[in-house]
Amino acid sequence: MTQTDFSDLTFEQALAQLQKLVEELESGDGSLEESLARYEQGMKLAAYCNELLDKAELRVQELLPTGEEVPFSGPLDSRS
């Protein structure tokens, strides 16, 4: 996988790909070159996910009447 344009991926899809890459790296399978390629891909996916999160945060701030930041009071792990 050497995709560099992730614009067609949703946040959830990008995060799932990132998790898969992390699992592959943690398994230790593959050559050094393959591991480096996975790492590079993972860093790009992480940056893309962060970009999407930043955009979502800006949208939420725009929806607030004063535009102020409001502390998050929900569960830290959204799966719980």
N, C-alpha and C. Protein backbone atom coordinates (compact mmCIF):
# COMPACT_ATOMS: atom_id res chain seq x y z
N MET A 1 0.84 -1.16 0.00
CA MET A 1 0.00 0.00 0.00
C MET A 1 0.90 1.24 0.00
N THR A 2 0.81 2.03 -1.04
CA THR A 2 1.62 3.25 -1.11
C THR A 2 0.75 4.46 -1.44
N GLN A 3 -0.47 4.44 -1.01
CA GLN A 3 -1.39 5.54 -1.27
C GLN A 3 -0.92 6.79 -0.53
N THR A 4 -0.93 7.92 -1.22
CA THR A 4 -0.57 9.18 -0.57
C THR A 4 -1.73 10.17 -0.59
N ASP A 5 -2.73 9.96 -1.44
CA ASP A 5 -3.91 10.82 -1.48
C ASP A 5 -5.03 10.08 -0.77
N PHE A 6 -5.38 10.57 0.40
CA PHE A 6 -6.40 9.90 1.21
C PHE A 6 -7.74 10.61 1.15
N SER A 7 -7.88 11.59 0.25
CA SER A 7 -9.07 12.43 0.24
C SER A 7 -10.37 11.65 0.03
N ASP A 8 -10.26 10.43 -0.49
CA ASP A 8 -11.47 9.63 -0.70
C ASP A 8 -11.82 8.79 0.53
N LEU A 9 -11.00 8.85 1.58
CA LEU A 9 -11.25 8.06 2.79
C LEU A 9 -11.96 8.88 3.84
N THR A 10 -12.89 8.24 4.54
CA THR A 10 -13.48 8.87 5.71
C THR A 10 -12.48 8.75 6.86
N PHE A 11 -12.75 9.47 7.93
CA PHE A 11 -11.89 9.36 9.10
C PHE A 11 -11.82 7.92 9.60
N GLU A 12 -12.99 7.28 9.64
CA GLU A 12 -13.06 5.91 10.15
C GLU A 12 -12.27 4.94 9.28
N GLN A 13 -12.33 5.12 7.98
CA GLN A 13 -11.58 4.26 7.06
C GLN A 13 -10.08 4.47 7.23
N ALA A 14 -9.67 5.74 7.32
CA ALA A 14 -8.25 6.05 7.49
C ALA A 14 -7.74 5.49 8.81
N LEU A 15 -8.53 5.63 9.86
CA LEU A 15 -8.12 5.12 11.17
C LEU A 15 -8.01 3.60 11.14
N ALA A 16 -8.93 2.93 10.46
CA ALA A 16 -8.87 1.46 10.36
C ALA A 16 -7.61 1.03 9.61
N GLN A 17 -7.26 1.75 8.55
CA GLN A 17 -6.03 1.42 7.82
C GLN A 17 -4.81 1.65 8.69
N LEU A 18 -4.83 2.72 9.46
CA LEU A 18 -3.72 3.01 10.37
C LEU A 18 -3.58 1.92 11.42
N GLN A 19 -4.69 1.49 11.98
CA GLN A 19 -4.64 0.41 12.98
C GLN A 19 -4.10 -0.88 12.38
N LYS A 20 -4.48 -1.16 11.15
CA LYS A 20 -3.98 -2.36 10.47
C LYS A 20 -2.47 -2.28 10.27
N LEU A 21 -1.99 -1.11 9.86
CA LEU A 21 -0.55 -0.94 9.67
C LEU A 21 0.20 -1.11 10.99
N VAL A 22 -0.36 -0.57 12.07
CA VAL A 22 0.28 -0.72 13.38
C VAL A 22 0.37 -2.20 13.76
N GLU A 23 -0.72 -2.94 13.54
CA GLU A 23 -0.70 -4.37 13.85
C GLU A 23 0.35 -5.10 13.03
N GLU A 24 0.45 -4.75 11.74
CA GLU A 24 1.46 -5.38 10.88
C GLU A 24 2.87 -5.06 11.37
N LEU A 25 3.10 -3.81 11.77
CA LEU A 25 4.42 -3.44 12.28
C LEU A 25 4.73 -4.16 13.59
N GLU A 26 3.74 -4.26 14.46
CA GLU A 26 3.94 -4.92 15.74
C GLU A 26 4.21 -6.40 15.59
N SER A 27 3.70 -7.01 14.51
CA SER A 27 3.91 -8.44 14.31
C SER A 27 5.37 -8.76 13.99
N GLY A 28 6.08 -7.77 13.44
CA GLY A 28 7.49 -7.99 13.12
C GLY A 28 7.71 -8.76 11.84
N ASP A 29 6.64 -9.09 11.13
CA ASP A 29 6.78 -9.82 9.87
C ASP A 29 7.21 -8.86 8.77
N GLY A 30 7.89 -9.39 7.80
CA GLY A 30 8.29 -8.58 6.66
C GLY A 30 9.72 -8.07 6.79
N SER A 31 10.20 -7.58 5.69
CA SER A 31 11.57 -7.08 5.64
C SER A 31 11.66 -5.67 6.25
N LEU A 32 12.86 -5.21 6.41
CA LEU A 32 13.09 -3.86 6.90
C LEU A 32 12.47 -2.85 5.95
N GLU A 33 12.64 -3.06 4.66
CA GLU A 33 12.10 -2.14 3.66
C GLU A 33 10.57 -2.09 3.73
N GLU A 34 9.93 -3.25 3.90
CA GLU A 34 8.47 -3.29 4.03
C GLU A 34 8.02 -2.56 5.30
N SER A 35 8.76 -2.77 6.37
CA SER A 35 8.41 -2.11 7.63
C SER A 35 8.54 -0.60 7.51
N LEU A 36 9.59 -0.14 6.85
CA LEU A 36 9.76 1.30 6.64
C LEU A 36 8.63 1.88 5.80
N ALA A 37 8.23 1.16 4.77
CA ALA A 37 7.13 1.61 3.92
C ALA A 37 5.83 1.69 4.74
N ARG A 38 5.61 0.70 5.59
CA ARG A 38 4.41 0.71 6.45
C ARG A 38 4.46 1.89 7.41
N TYR A 39 5.64 2.13 7.98
CA TYR A 39 5.79 3.23 8.92
C TYR A 39 5.50 4.56 8.23
N GLU A 40 6.07 4.76 7.04
CA GLU A 40 5.84 6.00 6.30
C GLU A 40 4.36 6.17 5.97
N GLN A 41 3.74 5.09 5.55
CA GLN A 41 2.30 5.14 5.23
C GLN A 41 1.50 5.47 6.48
N GLY A 42 1.88 4.88 7.60
CA GLY A 42 1.20 5.14 8.86
C GLY A 42 1.32 6.59 9.29
N MET A 43 2.49 7.18 9.10
CA MET A 43 2.69 8.58 9.46
C MET A 43 1.81 9.48 8.59
N LYS A 44 1.67 9.15 7.32
CA LYS A 44 0.82 9.93 6.42
C LYS A 44 -0.65 9.78 6.82
N LEU A 45 -1.05 8.57 7.16
CA LEU A 45 -2.43 8.35 7.60
C LEU A 45 -2.71 9.08 8.91
N ALA A 46 -1.76 9.06 9.83
CA ALA A 46 -1.94 9.76 11.10
C ALA A 46 -2.09 11.26 10.87
N ALA A 47 -1.29 11.81 9.97
CA ALA A 47 -1.40 13.24 9.66
C ALA A 47 -2.76 13.55 9.04
N TYR A 48 -3.23 12.68 8.16
CA TYR A 48 -4.54 12.87 7.53
C TYR A 48 -5.65 12.82 8.59
N CYS A 49 -5.58 11.86 9.49
CA CYS A 49 -6.58 11.75 10.56
C CYS A 49 -6.57 13.02 11.43
N ASN A 50 -5.38 13.50 11.77
CA ASN A 50 -5.28 14.72 12.57
C ASN A 50 -5.86 15.92 11.84
N GLU A 51 -5.63 15.98 10.54
CA GLU A 51 -6.19 17.06 9.73
C GLU A 51 -7.72 17.03 9.77
N LEU A 52 -8.29 15.83 9.62
CA LEU A 52 -9.75 15.70 9.68
C LEU A 52 -10.29 16.08 11.05
N LEU A 53 -9.59 15.69 12.10
CA LEU A 53 -10.03 16.04 13.46
C LEU A 53 -9.96 17.55 13.68
N ASP A 54 -8.91 18.19 13.17
CA ASP A 54 -8.80 19.65 13.30
C ASP A 54 -9.94 20.35 12.58
N LYS A 55 -10.28 19.87 11.39
CA LYS A 55 -11.39 20.47 10.63
C LYS A 55 -12.71 20.28 11.38
N ALA A 56 -12.91 19.11 11.96
CA ALA A 56 -14.13 18.86 12.71
C ALA A 56 -14.21 19.77 13.93
N GLU A 57 -13.08 19.97 14.60
CA GLU A 57 -13.06 20.85 15.77
C GLU A 57 -13.42 22.28 15.37
N LEU A 58 -12.91 22.75 14.25
CA LEU A 58 -13.25 24.09 13.78
C LEU A 58 -14.73 24.21 13.47
N ARG A 59 -15.30 23.18 12.87
CA ARG A 59 -16.73 23.21 12.57
C ARG A 59 -17.56 23.29 13.84
N VAL A 60 -17.17 22.55 14.85
CA VAL A 60 -17.90 22.57 16.13
C VAL A 60 -17.79 23.95 16.76
N GLN A 61 -16.60 24.53 16.73
CA GLN A 61 -16.42 25.87 17.30
C GLN A 61 -17.28 26.89 16.57
N GLU A 62 -17.40 26.75 15.27
CA GLU A 62 -18.23 27.67 14.50
C GLU A 62 -19.71 27.52 14.87
N LEU A 63 -20.11 26.35 15.30
CA LEU A 63 -21.50 26.12 15.65
C LEU A 63 -21.84 26.68 17.04
N LEU A 64 -20.85 26.85 17.87
CA LEU A 64 -21.09 27.39 19.21
C LEU A 64 -21.43 28.87 19.08
N PRO A 65 -22.38 29.35 19.87
CA PRO A 65 -22.83 30.75 19.74
C PRO A 65 -21.70 31.77 19.89
N THR A 66 -20.78 31.53 20.79
CA THR A 66 -19.71 32.50 21.03
C THR A 66 -18.42 32.13 20.31
N GLY A 67 -18.37 30.94 19.73
CA GLY A 67 -17.15 30.48 19.07
C GLY A 67 -16.08 30.03 20.05
N GLU A 68 -16.44 30.00 21.33
CA GLU A 68 -15.47 29.61 22.36
C GLU A 68 -15.28 28.11 22.41
N GLU A 69 -14.17 27.70 22.96
CA GLU A 69 -13.92 26.27 23.14
C GLU A 69 -14.64 25.81 24.40
N VAL A 70 -15.19 24.62 24.32
CA VAL A 70 -15.90 24.03 25.46
C VAL A 70 -15.19 22.73 25.80
N PRO A 71 -14.84 22.55 27.08
CA PRO A 71 -14.16 21.31 27.46
C PRO A 71 -15.02 20.08 27.13
N PHE A 72 -14.37 19.04 26.65
CA PHE A 72 -15.06 17.80 26.32
C PHE A 72 -15.39 17.07 27.61
N SER A 73 -16.65 16.68 27.76
CA SER A 73 -17.04 16.02 29.00
C SER A 73 -17.52 14.59 28.78
N GLY A 74 -17.36 14.08 27.57
CA GLY A 74 -17.78 12.72 27.27
C GLY A 74 -16.70 11.71 27.63
N PRO A 75 -16.96 10.45 27.36
CA PRO A 75 -15.94 9.42 27.62
C PRO A 75 -14.75 9.60 26.70
N LEU A 76 -13.55 9.37 27.22
CA LEU A 76 -12.35 9.50 26.39
C LEU A 76 -12.28 8.44 25.31
N ASP A 77 -12.79 7.28 25.59
CA ASP A 77 -12.82 6.21 24.60
C ASP A 77 -14.23 6.14 24.04
N SER A 78 -14.40 6.56 22.80
CA SER A 78 -15.73 6.64 22.21
C SER A 78 -16.40 5.29 22.04
N ARG A 79 -15.62 4.21 22.19
CA ARG A 79 -16.19 2.88 22.07
C ARG A 79 -16.80 2.40 23.37
N SER A 80 -16.64 3.16 24.44
CA SER A 80 -17.18 2.69 25.72
C SER A 80 -18.57 3.23 25.99
